[in-house]
PDB file of N, CA and C in Angstrom:
ATOM      1  N   MET A   1       1.027  -1.331   0.306  1.00  0.00           N
ATOM      2  CA  MET A   1      -0.515   0.054  -0.138  1.00  0.00           C
ATOM      3  C   MET A   1       0.791   1.263   0.311  1.00  0.00           C
ATOM      4  N   ARG A   2       2.150   0.918   0.469  1.00  0.00           N
ATOM      5  CA  ARG A   2       3.075   2.695   0.586  1.00  0.00           C
ATOM      6  C   ARG A   2       3.510   2.310  -0.733  1.00  0.00           C
ATOM      7  N   LYS A   3       3.912   1.640  -1.386  1.00  0.00           N
ATOM      8  CA  LYS A   3       4.336   1.968  -2.731  1.00  0.00           C
ATOM      9  C   LYS A   3       3.697   2.587  -3.380  1.00  0.00           C
ATOM     10  N   LEU A   4       1.946   2.266  -3.735  1.00  0.00           N
ATOM     11  CA  LEU A   4       1.894   2.500  -4.409  1.00  0.00           C
ATOM     12  C   LEU A   4       1.563   3.690  -4.056  1.00  0.00           C
ATOM     13  N   ILE A   5       0.524   4.694  -3.073  1.00  0.00           N
ATOM     14  CA  ILE A   5       1.058   5.793  -2.662  1.00  0.00           C
ATOM     15  C   ILE A   5       2.433   6.655  -2.882  1.00  0.00           C
ATOM     16  N   SER A   6       3.438   6.767  -2.479  1.00  0.00           N
ATOM     17  CA  SER A   6       4.239   7.225  -3.112  1.00  0.00           C
ATOM     18  C   SER A   6       4.007   7.523  -4.338  1.00  0.00           C
ATOM     19  N   LYS A   7       3.657   5.802  -5.114  1.00  0.00           N
ATOM     20  CA  LYS A   7       3.461   5.954  -6.967  1.00  0.00           C
ATOM     21  C   LYS A   7       2.541   7.525  -7.065  1.00  0.00           C
ATOM     22  N   ILE A   8       2.300   6.955  -6.453  1.00  0.00           N
ATOM     23  CA  ILE A   8       0.595   8.540  -6.989  1.00  0.00           C
ATOM     24  C   ILE A   8       1.164   9.221  -6.552  1.00  0.00           C
ATOM     25  N   LYS A   9       2.287   9.833  -5.172  1.00  0.00           N
ATOM     26  CA  LYS A   9       2.623  11.460  -4.920  1.00  0.00           C
ATOM     27  C   LYS A   9       3.828  12.096  -5.852  1.00  0.00           C
ATOM     28  N   LYS A  10       4.376  11.129  -6.780  1.00  0.00           N
ATOM     29  CA  LYS A  10       5.873  11.480  -7.660  1.00  0.00           C
ATOM     30  C   LYS A  10       4.370  11.900  -8.643  1.00  0.00           C
ATOM     31  N   LEU A  11       3.855  10.226  -9.427  1.00  0.00           N
ATOM     32  CA  LEU A  11       2.812  11.159 -10.447  1.00  0.00           C
ATOM     33  C   LEU A  11       2.309  12.807 -10.172  1.00  0.00           C
ATOM     34  N   VAL A  12       1.598  13.038  -8.931  1.00  0.00           N
ATOM     35  CA  VAL A  12       0.902  14.317  -8.316  1.00  0.00           C
ATOM     36  C   VAL A  12       2.169  15.172  -8.215  1.00  0.00           C
ATOM     37  N   SER A  13       3.270  14.764  -7.815  1.00  0.00           N
ATOM     38  CA  SER A  13       4.070  16.059  -7.571  1.00  0.00           C
ATOM     39  C   SER A  13       4.893  16.144  -8.791  1.00  0.00           C
ATOM     40  N   GLY A  14       4.895  15.480 -10.166  1.00  0.00           N
ATOM     41  CA  GLY A  14       5.673  15.689 -11.141  1.00  0.00           C
ATOM     42  C   GLY A  14       6.358  15.267 -11.183  1.00  0.00           C
ATOM     43  N   LYS A  15       7.494  14.637 -10.128  1.00  0.00           N
ATOM     44  CA  LYS A  15       9.109  13.907 -10.250  1.00  0.00           C
ATOM     45  C   LYS A  15       9.068  12.771 -11.030  1.00  0.00           C
ATOM     46  N   SER A  16       8.111  12.301 -11.919  1.00  0.00           N
ATOM     47  CA  SER A  16       8.043  11.338 -12.636  1.00  0.00           C
ATOM     48  C   SER A  16       6.760  11.247 -14.014  1.00  0.00           C
ATOM     49  N   LYS A  17       7.614  12.927 -14.656  1.00  0.00           N
ATOM     50  CA  LYS A  17       7.379  12.985 -15.744  1.00  0.00           C
ATOM     51  C   LYS A  17       7.429  12.037 -17.461  1.00  0.00           C
ATOM     52  N   ALA A  18       8.070  11.178 -17.127  1.00  0.00           N
ATOM     53  CA  ALA A  18       8.139  10.371 -18.479  1.00  0.00           C
ATOM     54  C   ALA A  18       7.616   9.650 -18.409  1.00  0.00           C
ATOM     55  N   SER A  19       6.696   9.027 -17.135  1.00  0.00           N
ATOM     56  CA  SER A  19       5.446   8.181 -17.132  1.00  0.00           C
ATOM     57  C   SER A  19       4.243   8.974 -17.793  1.00  0.00           C
ATOM     58  N   LEU A  20       4.099   9.866 -18.167  1.00  0.00           N
ATOM     59  CA  LEU A  20       3.229  10.844 -18.027  1.00  0.00           C
ATOM     60  C   LEU A  20       3.272  11.534 -19.567  1.00  0.00           C
ATOM     61  N   THR A  21       3.749  12.032 -20.244  1.00  0.00           N
ATOM     62  CA  THR A  21       4.236  12.180 -21.265  1.00  0.00           C
ATOM     63  C   THR A  21       4.391  10.873 -23.047  1.00  0.00           C
ATOM     64  N   LYS A  22       4.072  11.653 -24.026  1.00  0.00           N
ATOM     65  CA  LYS A  22       4.611  10.958 -25.225  1.00  0.00           C
ATOM     66  C   LYS A  22       5.853  10.976 -25.690  1.00  0.00           C
ATOM     67  N   PRO A  23       5.892   8.836 -25.202  1.00  0.00           N
ATOM     68  CA  PRO A  23       7.833   9.036 -25.733  1.00  0.00           C
ATOM     69  C   PRO A  23       8.055  10.050 -27.339  1.00  0.00           C
ATOM     70  N   ALA A  24       9.369  10.394 -27.420  1.00  0.00           N
ATOM     71  CA  ALA A  24       9.808  10.986 -29.054  1.00  0.00           C
ATOM     72  C   ALA A  24       9.843  10.682 -29.579  1.00  0.00           C
ATOM     73  N   PRO A  25       9.546   9.954 -30.866  1.00  0.00           N
ATOM     74  CA  PRO A  25       9.598   9.539 -32.647  1.00  0.00           C
ATOM     75  C   PRO A  25      10.894   8.482 -32.193  1.00  0.00           C
ATOM     76  N   VAL A  26      11.162   7.697 -32.591  1.00  0.00           N
ATOM     77  CA  VAL A  26      12.445   7.159 -32.622  1.00  0.00           C
ATOM     78  C   VAL A  26      13.250   8.162 -34.176  1.00  0.00           C
ATOM     79  N   THR A  27      14.029   7.984 -34.117  1.00  0.00           N
ATOM     80  CA  THR A  27      14.702   8.412 -36.211  1.00  0.00           C
ATOM     81  C   THR A  27      16.199   8.158 -35.415  1.00  0.00           C
ATOM     82  N   LYS A  28      16.922   7.977 -36.486  1.00  0.00           N
ATOM     83  CA  LYS A  28      17.929   7.562 -36.559  1.00  0.00           C
ATOM     84  C   LYS A  28      19.338   8.790 -37.332  1.00  0.00           C
ATOM     85  N   GLY A  29      19.790   9.080 -37.341  1.00  0.00           N
ATOM     86  CA  GLY A  29      20.762  10.621 -38.019  1.00  0.00           C
ATOM     87  C   GLY A  29      20.260  11.779 -38.211  1.00  0.00           C
ATOM     88  N   LYS A  30      20.861  12.776 -38.309  1.00  0.00           N
ATOM     89  CA  LYS A  30      20.321  14.316 -38.112  1.00  0.00           C
ATOM     90  C   LYS A  30      20.006  14.871 -39.393  1.00  0.00           C
ATOM     91  N   PRO A  31      19.165  15.746 -38.709  1.00  0.00           N
ATOM     92  CA  PRO A  31      17.929  16.104 -39.970  1.00  0.00           C
ATOM     93  C   PRO A  31      18.626  16.120 -40.898  1.00  0.00           C
ATOM     94  N   ILE A  32      17.953  15.754 -42.842  1.00  0.00           N
ATOM     95  CA  ILE A  32      17.899  17.039 -43.565  1.00  0.00           C
ATOM     96  C   ILE A  32      17.844  18.123 -44.197  1.00  0.00           C
ATOM     97  N   GLY A  33      16.038  18.147 -42.764  1.00  0.00           N
ATOM     98  CA  GLY A  33      15.460  19.061 -43.852  1.00  0.00           C
ATOM     99  C   GLY A  33      14.974  19.780 -42.464  1.00  0.00           C
ATOM    100  N   GLU A  34      13.907  20.693 -42.533  1.00  0.00           N
ATOM    101  CA  GLU A  34      13.024  21.168 -41.842  1.00  0.00           C
ATOM    102  C   GLU A  34      11.729  21.743 -42.828  1.00  0.00           C
ATOM    103  N   VAL A  35      10.745  21.248 -41.821  1.00  0.00           N
ATOM    104  CA  VAL A  35       9.152  22.051 -42.248  1.00  0.00           C
ATOM    105  C   VAL A  35       8.990  23.542 -41.877  1.00  0.00           C
ATOM    106  N   THR A  36       8.871  24.060 -43.212  1.00  0.00           N
ATOM    107  CA  THR A  36       8.817  26.089 -42.274  1.00  0.00           C
ATOM    108  C   THR A  36       7.605  26.474 -43.357  1.00  0.00           C
ATOM    109  N   HIS A  37       6.790  25.798 -43.804  1.00  0.00           N
ATOM    110  CA  HIS A  37       5.233  26.716 -44.043  1.00  0.00           C
ATOM    111  C   HIS A  37       4.695  25.041 -44.890  1.00  0.00           C
ATOM    112  N   TYR A  38       3.371  25.012 -44.166  1.00  0.00           N
ATOM    113  CA  TYR A  38       2.026  23.993 -44.229  1.00  0.00           C
ATOM    114  C   TYR A  38       0.613  24.520 -44.913  1.00  0.00           C
ATOM    115  N   TYR A  39       0.596  24.337 -46.212  1.00  0.00           N
ATOM    116  CA  TYR A  39      -0.449  24.207 -46.297  1.00  0.00           C
ATOM    117  C   TYR A  39      -1.458  22.965 -46.810  1.00  0.00           C
ATOM    118  N   GLY A  40      -2.720  23.419 -45.712  1.00  0.00           N
ATOM    119  CA  GLY A  40      -3.363  22.345 -45.273  1.00  0.00           C
ATOM    120  C   GLY A  40      -4.189  22.147 -46.241  1.00  0.00           C
ATOM    121  N   ASP A  41      -4.625  23.366 -47.078  1.00  0.00           N
ATOM    122  CA  ASP A  41      -5.899  22.793 -48.910  1.00  0.00           C
ATOM    123  C   ASP A  41      -5.047  22.247 -49.147  1.00  0.00           C
ATOM    124  N   ILE A  42      -4.329  21.971 -50.197  1.00  0.00           N
ATOM    125  CA  ILE A  42      -3.533  21.485 -51.048  1.00  0.00           C
ATOM    126  C   ILE A  42      -2.688  20.327 -50.602  1.00  0.00           C
ATOM    127  N   SER A  43      -2.296  20.510 -49.274  1.00  0.00           N
ATOM    128  CA  SER A  43      -1.394  19.498 -48.717  1.00  0.00           C
ATOM    129  C   SER A  43      -0.040  19.163 -49.376  1.00  0.00           C
ATOM    130  N   VAL A  44       0.362  20.234 -49.444  1.00  0.00           N
ATOM    131  CA  VAL A  44       1.628  20.293 -49.463  1.00  0.00           C
ATOM    132  C   VAL A  44       2.398  21.162 -48.096  1.00  0.00           C
ATOM    133  N   ALA A  45       4.309  21.147 -48.082  1.00  0.00           N
ATOM    134  CA  ALA A  45       5.115  20.935 -47.086  1.00  0.00           C
ATOM    135  C   ALA A  45       5.854  21.793 -47.572  1.00  0.00           C
ATOM    136  N   ILE A  46       6.592  22.659 -47.211  1.00  0.00           N
ATOM    137  CA  ILE A  46       7.834  23.822 -47.615  1.00  0.00           C
ATOM    138  C   ILE A  46       8.489  23.550 -46.979  1.00  0.00           C
ATOM    139  N   VAL A  47       9.951  22.570 -47.614  1.00  0.00           N
ATOM    140  CA  VAL A  47      11.098  22.499 -46.698  1.00  0.00           C
ATOM    141  C   VAL A  47      11.983  22.547 -47.390  1.00  0.00           C
ATOM    142  N   LYS A  48      13.192  23.446 -46.451  1.00  0.00           N
ATOM    143  CA  LYS A  48      14.335  23.835 -46.796  1.00  0.00           C
ATOM    144  C   LYS A  48      15.130  22.267 -46.070  1.00  0.00           C
ATOM    145  N   PHE A  49      16.199  21.948 -47.407  1.00  0.00           N
ATOM    146  CA  PHE A  49      17.181  21.362 -47.375  1.00  0.00           C
ATOM    147  C   PHE A  49      18.520  21.104 -46.636  1.00  0.00           C
ATOM    148  N   ASN A  50      18.826  20.434 -46.067  1.00  0.00           N
ATOM    149  CA  ASN A  50      20.211  20.597 -45.750  1.00  0.00           C
ATOM    150  C   ASN A  50      21.149  20.542 -46.579  1.00  0.00           C
ATOM    151  N   ARG A  51      20.718  19.446 -46.808  1.00  0.00           N
ATOM    152  CA  ARG A  51      21.697  18.713 -48.063  1.00  0.00           C
ATOM    153  C   ARG A  51      21.230  18.640 -49.741  1.00  0.00           C
ATOM    154  N   PRO A  52      22.027  18.283 -50.615  1.00  0.00           N
ATOM    155  CA  PRO A  52      21.312  18.142 -51.841  1.00  0.00           C
ATOM    156  C   PRO A  52      20.022  16.829 -51.744  1.00  0.00           C
ATOM    157  N   PHE A  53      19.183  16.699 -52.130  1.00  0.00           N
ATOM    158  CA  PHE A  53      18.047  15.883 -52.243  1.00  0.00           C
ATOM    159  C   PHE A  53      17.210  16.086 -53.823  1.00  0.00           C
ATOM    160  N   SER A  54      16.304  14.682 -53.964  1.00  0.00           N
ATOM    161  CA  SER A  54      15.894  14.269 -55.002  1.00  0.00           C
ATOM    162  C   SER A  54      14.892  13.487 -54.998  1.00  0.00           C
ATOM    163  N   CYS A  55      14.193  13.861 -56.028  1.00  0.00           N
ATOM    164  CA  CYS A  55      12.416  12.780 -55.866  1.00  0.00           C
ATOM    165  C   CYS A  55      12.804  12.191 -55.811  1.00  0.00           C
ATOM    166  N   GLY A  56      12.308  10.631 -55.336  1.00  0.00           N
ATOM    167  CA  GLY A  56      12.059   9.241 -55.370  1.00  0.00           C
ATOM    168  C   GLY A  56      12.865   9.413 -54.006  1.00  0.00           C
ATOM    169  N   GLU A  57      13.522   9.516 -53.274  1.00  0.00           N
ATOM    170  CA  GLU A  57      14.083   9.555 -51.990  1.00  0.00           C
ATOM    171  C   GLU A  57      13.078   9.301 -51.302  1.00  0.00           C
ATOM    172  N   LYS A  58      13.442   8.421 -49.685  1.00  0.00           N
ATOM    173  CA  LYS A  58      12.400   8.403 -48.478  1.00  0.00           C
ATOM    174  C   LYS A  58      13.110   8.837 -47.914  1.00  0.00           C
ATOM    175  N   VAL A  59      11.491  10.108 -46.736  1.00  0.00           N
ATOM    176  CA  VAL A  59      11.666  10.724 -45.879  1.00  0.00           C
ATOM    177  C   VAL A  59      10.912  10.704 -44.675  1.00  0.00           C
ATOM    178  N   HIS A  60      11.064  10.880 -43.252  1.00  0.00           N
ATOM    179  CA  HIS A  60      10.399  10.484 -42.043  1.00  0.00           C
ATOM    180  C   HIS A  60      10.202  11.653 -42.186  1.00  0.00           C
ATOM    181  N   PHE A  61       9.126  12.611 -42.285  1.00  0.00           N
ATOM    182  CA  PHE A  61       8.454  13.784 -40.501  1.00  0.00           C
ATOM    183  C   PHE A  61       8.421  13.227 -39.570  1.00  0.00           C
ATOM    184  N   SER A  62       9.068  14.075 -38.885  1.00  0.00           N
ATOM    185  CA  SER A  62       9.075  14.177 -37.298  1.00  0.00           C
ATOM    186  C   SER A  62       8.920  14.881 -36.427  1.00  0.00           C
ATOM    187  N   GLY A  63       8.418  14.898 -34.906  1.00  0.00           N
ATOM    188  CA  GLY A  63       7.543  15.778 -34.631  1.00  0.00           C
ATOM    189  C   GLY A  63       6.702  15.597 -33.133  1.00  0.00           C
ATOM    190  N   ALA A  64       6.138  16.622 -32.975  1.00  0.00           N
ATOM    191  CA  ALA A  64       5.286  16.167 -31.508  1.00  0.00           C
ATOM    192  C   ALA A  64       4.390  16.296 -31.822  1.00  0.00           C
ATOM    193  N   THR A  65       3.767  16.243 -33.097  1.00  0.00           N
ATOM    194  CA  THR A  65       2.092  15.225 -33.458  1.00  0.00           C
ATOM    195  C   THR A  65       2.643  14.864 -34.941  1.00  0.00           C
ATOM    196  N   THR A  66       3.882  14.861 -35.031  1.00  0.00           N
ATOM    197  CA  THR A  66       3.919  14.385 -36.874  1.00  0.00           C
ATOM    198  C   THR A  66       4.859  12.514 -37.052  1.00  0.00           C
ATOM    199  N   ASP A  67       4.594  11.689 -37.508  1.00  0.00           N
ATOM    200  CA  ASP A  67       5.940  10.471 -37.063  1.00  0.00           C
ATOM    201  C   ASP A  67       4.931  10.049 -38.532  1.00  0.00           C
ATOM    202  N   PHE A  68       5.123  10.351 -39.508  1.00  0.00           N
ATOM    203  CA  PHE A  68       5.100   9.349 -40.767  1.00  0.00           C
ATOM    204  C   PHE A  68       6.214   9.241 -41.644  1.00  0.00           C
ATOM    205  N   LYS A  69       6.328   8.575 -42.432  1.00  0.00           N
ATOM    206  CA  LYS A  69       7.071   7.749 -43.869  1.00  0.00           C
ATOM    207  C   LYS A  69       6.784   7.947 -44.813  1.00  0.00           C
ATOM    208  N   GLU A  70       7.367   8.738 -46.121  1.00  0.00           N
ATOM    209  CA  GLU A  70       6.381   8.805 -46.997  1.00  0.00           C
ATOM    210  C   GLU A  70       8.199   8.772 -48.301  1.00  0.00           C
ATOM    211  N   THR A  71       7.472   8.527 -49.323  1.00  0.00           N
ATOM    212  CA  THR A  71       8.153   8.729 -50.438  1.00  0.00           C
ATOM    213  C   THR A  71       8.053   9.787 -51.355  1.00  0.00           C
ATOM    214  N   VAL A  72       9.259  11.115 -51.943  1.00  0.00           N
ATOM    215  CA  VAL A  72       8.720  11.912 -52.160  1.00  0.00           C
ATOM    216  C   VAL A  72       8.627  11.979 -53.422  1.00  0.00           C
ATOM    217  N   LYS A  73       7.209  12.221 -54.518  1.00  0.00           N
ATOM    218  CA  LYS A  73       6.922  11.891 -55.593  1.00  0.00           C
ATOM    219  C   LYS A  73       7.528  13.160 -56.400  1.00  0.00           C
ATOM    220  N   SER A  74       6.846  13.701 -56.097  1.00  0.00           N
ATOM    221  CA  SER A  74       7.017  15.675 -56.575  1.00  0.00           C
ATOM    222  C   SER A  74       7.705  16.729 -56.130  1.00  0.00           C
ATOM    223  N   MET A  75       8.453  17.114 -56.288  1.00  0.00           N
ATOM    224  CA  MET A  75       8.882  19.148 -56.120  1.00  0.00           C
ATOM    225  C   MET A  75       8.671  20.043 -56.908  1.00  0.00           C
ATOM    226  N   GLN A  76       8.521  20.664 -56.032  1.00  0.00           N
ATOM    227  CA  GLN A  76       7.931  22.643 -57.129  1.00  0.00           C
ATOM    228  C   GLN A  76       9.334  23.475 -56.594  1.00  0.00           C
ATOM    229  N   TYR A  77       9.874  24.304 -57.099  1.00  0.00           N
ATOM    230  CA  TYR A  77      10.819  25.186 -56.614  1.00  0.00           C
ATOM    231  C   TYR A  77      10.147  26.420 -57.807  1.00  0.00           C
ATOM    232  N   GLU A  78       9.347  27.787 -56.906  1.00  0.00           N
ATOM    233  CA  GLU A  78       8.947  28.812 -57.742  1.00  0.00           C
ATOM    234  C   GLU A  78       7.643  28.569 -59.012  1.00  0.00           C
ATOM    235  N   HIS A  79       7.342  27.660 -58.443  1.00  0.00           N
ATOM    236  CA  HIS A  79       5.869  26.491 -59.231  1.00  0.00           C
ATOM    237  C   HIS A  79       6.384  26.072 -60.638  1.00  0.00           C
ATOM    238  N   LYS A  80       7.594  25.581 -60.780  1.00  0.00           N
ATOM    239  CA  LYS A  80       7.914  24.388 -61.535  1.00  0.00           C
ATOM    240  C   LYS A  80       8.375  23.456 -61.350  1.00  0.00           C
ATOM    241  N   SER A  81       7.934  21.827 -61.514  1.00  0.00           N
ATOM    242  CA  SER A  81       8.592  20.873 -61.387  1.00  0.00           C
ATOM    243  C   SER A  81       9.621  20.892 -61.001  1.00  0.00           C
ATOM    244  N   ILE A  82      10.750  20.541 -60.480  1.00  0.00           N
ATOM    245  CA  ILE A  82      12.235  20.091 -60.251  1.00  0.00           C
ATOM    246  C   ILE A  82      12.568  18.682 -59.449  1.00  0.00           C
ATOM    247  N   GLU A  83      13.473  17.923 -60.044  1.00  0.00           N
ATOM    248  CA  GLU A  83      14.097  16.818 -59.303  1.00  0.00           C
ATOM    249  C   GLU A  83      14.869  16.684 -58.433  1.00  0.00           C
ATOM    250  N   THR A  84      15.669  17.152 -58.393  1.00  0.00           N
ATOM    251  CA  THR A  84      16.554  17.698 -57.247  1.00  0.00           C
ATOM    252  C   THR A  84      16.891  19.557 -56.349  1.00  0.00           C
ATOM    253  N   ALA A  85      16.788  18.990 -55.662  1.00  0.00           N
ATOM    254  CA  ALA A  85      16.912  20.350 -54.515  1.00  0.00           C
ATOM    255  C   ALA A  85      18.074  20.170 -54.069  1.00  0.00           C
ATOM    256  N   LYS A  86      18.539  21.537 -54.124  1.00  0.00           N
ATOM    257  CA  LYS A  86      20.123  22.596 -53.668  1.00  0.00           C
ATOM    258  C   LYS A  86      19.970  22.229 -52.608  1.00  0.00           C
ATOM    259  N   LYS A  87      20.829  22.438 -51.543  1.00  0.00           N
ATOM    260  CA  LYS A  87      21.263  22.656 -50.181  1.00  0.00           C
ATOM    261  C   LYS A  87      20.956  24.054 -49.849  1.00  0.00           C
ATOM    262  N   GLY A  88      20.219  24.037 -48.916  1.00  0.00           N
ATOM    263  CA  GLY A  88      19.712  25.614 -48.273  1.00  0.00           C
ATOM    264  C   GLY A  88      18.284  26.119 -49.219  1.00  0.00           C
ATOM    265  N   GLN A  89      17.707  24.773 -49.884  1.00  0.00           N
ATOM    266  CA  GLN A  89      16.442  25.704 -51.541  1.00  0.00           C
ATOM    267  C   GLN A  89      15.685  25.454 -50.844  1.00  0.00           C
ATOM    268  N   GLU A  90      14.686  25.953 -50.832  1.00  0.00           N
ATOM    269  CA  GLU A  90      13.389  25.963 -49.761  1.00  0.00           C
ATOM    270  C   GLU A  90      12.454  25.269 -51.098  1.00  0.00           C
ATOM    271  N   VAL A  91      11.749  24.220 -50.730  1.00  0.00           N
ATOM    272  CA  VAL A  91      11.195  23.128 -52.068  1.00  0.00           C
ATOM    273  C   VAL A  91       8.978  22.970 -51.775  1.00  0.00           C
ATOM    274  N   GLY A  92       8.896  22.985 -52.195  1.00  0.00           N
ATOM    275  CA  GLY A  92       7.325  22.423 -51.852  1.00  0.00           C
ATOM    276  C   GLY A  92       7.458  20.734 -52.427  1.00  0.00           C
ATOM    277  N   ILE A  93       6.445  20.061 -51.905  1.00  0.00           N
ATOM    278  CA  ILE A  93       6.741  18.770 -51.420  1.00  0.00           C
ATOM    279  C   ILE A  93       5.040  17.836 -51.352  1.00  0.00           C
ATOM    280  N   LYS A  94       4.427  17.347 -52.236  1.00  0.00           N
ATOM    281  CA  LYS A  94       2.705  17.224 -51.900  1.00  0.00           C
ATOM    282  C   LYS A  94       3.329  16.243 -50.612  1.00  0.00           C
ATOM    283  N   VAL A  95       2.616  15.968 -50.033  1.00  0.00           N
ATOM    284  CA  VAL A  95       2.658  14.651 -48.275  1.00  0.00           C
ATOM    285  C   VAL A  95       1.066  14.092 -48.259  1.00  0.00           C
ATOM    286  N   GLY A  96       1.347  13.132 -47.861  1.00  0.00           N
ATOM    287  CA  GLY A  96       0.385  11.935 -47.162  1.00  0.00           C
ATOM    288  C   GLY A  96      -0.773  12.684 -45.922  1.00  0.00           C
ATOM    289  N   ASP A  97      -0.002  13.190 -45.520  1.00  0.00           N
ATOM    290  CA  ASP A  97      -0.452  13.562 -44.060  1.00  0.00           C
ATOM    291  C   ASP A  97       0.229  14.881 -43.764  1.00  0.00           C
ATOM    292  N   LYS A  98      -0.877  15.744 -42.346  1.00  0.00           N
ATOM    293  CA  LYS A  98      -0.649  16.753 -41.478  1.00  0.00           C
ATOM    294  C   LYS A  98       1.009  16.460 -41.290  1.00  0.00           C
ATOM    295  N   VAL A  99       1.511  17.735 -42.078  1.00  0.00           N
ATOM    296  CA  VAL A  99       2.392  17.871 -41.204  1.00  0.00           C
ATOM    297  C   VAL A  99       2.793  19.923 -40.103  1.00  0.00           C
ATOM    298  N   ARG A 100       3.721  20.026 -39.747  1.00  0.00           N
ATOM    299  CA  ARG A 100       3.704  21.454 -39.378  1.00  0.00           C
ATOM    300  C   ARG A 100       4.921  21.917 -38.594  1.00  0.00           C
ATOM    301  N   GLU A 101       4.905  23.494 -38.928  1.00  0.00           N
ATOM    302  CA  GLU A 101       6.125  24.417 -39.198  1.00  0.00           C
ATOM    303  C   GLU A 101       6.723  23.810 -37.674  1.00  0.00           C
ATOM    304  N   GLY A 102       8.627  23.577 -38.495  1.00  0.00           N
ATOM    305  CA  GLY A 102       9.334  23.282 -37.018  1.00  0.00           C
ATOM    306  C   GLY A 102       9.580  21.542 -36.748  1.00  0.00           C
ATOM    307  N   ASP A 103       8.175  21.077 -37.627  1.00  0.00           N
ATOM    308  CA  ASP A 103       8.898  19.853 -37.958  1.00  0.00           C
ATOM    309  C   ASP A 103       9.953  18.878 -39.130  1.00  0.00           C
ATOM    310  N   LEU A 104      10.785  18.275 -37.900  1.00  0.00           N
ATOM    311  CA  LEU A 104      12.543  17.859 -39.081  1.00  0.00           C
ATOM    312  C   LEU A 104      12.190  16.643 -39.469  1.00  0.00           C
ATOM    313  N   VAL A 105      12.768  16.606 -41.330  1.00  0.00           N
ATOM    314  CA  VAL A 105      12.864  16.189 -42.244  1.00  0.00           C
ATOM    315  C   VAL A 105      13.870  14.681 -42.273  1.00  0.00           C
ATOM    316  N   PHE A 106      14.008  13.587 -41.529  1.00  0.00           N
ATOM    317  CA  PHE A 106      15.061  12.532 -41.833  1.00  0.00           C
ATOM    318  C   PHE A 106      15.047  12.049 -42.749  1.00  0.00           C
ATOM    319  N   GLU A 107      15.938  10.983 -43.604  1.00  0.00           N
ATOM    320  CA  GLU A 107      16.410  10.516 -44.578  1.00  0.00           C
ATOM    321  C   GLU A 107      15.363   8.764 -43.530  1.00  0.00           C
ATOM    322  N   ALA A 108      14.822   7.941 -44.922  1.00  0.00           N
ATOM    323  CA  ALA A 108      14.080   7.095 -44.044  1.00  0.00           C
ATOM    324  C   ALA A 108      15.378   6.059 -44.175  1.00  0.00           C
TER     325      ALA A 108
END
């Protein structure tokens, strides 16, 4: 009974926050980009890449409430389709799920 009471006290006092919060998604390596904007009506994420990136590569979007993998099928820059994004370039990517500003993009 005492153990149960001490566990409840820890939970209420906030000393054991790990058991109350959602675990962070597991990702490997350094991020290759970051979402700078999201257009929900057309499901397009604007991503700034840290390295050259090509269509056909798989990516993993990861954030506080975002966690999914997807193959990039198309990219646009200045409303024109491109096959490869340069380092530091912001491009539009059609995504299948909602992303948020600040979400990180990893190589999948």
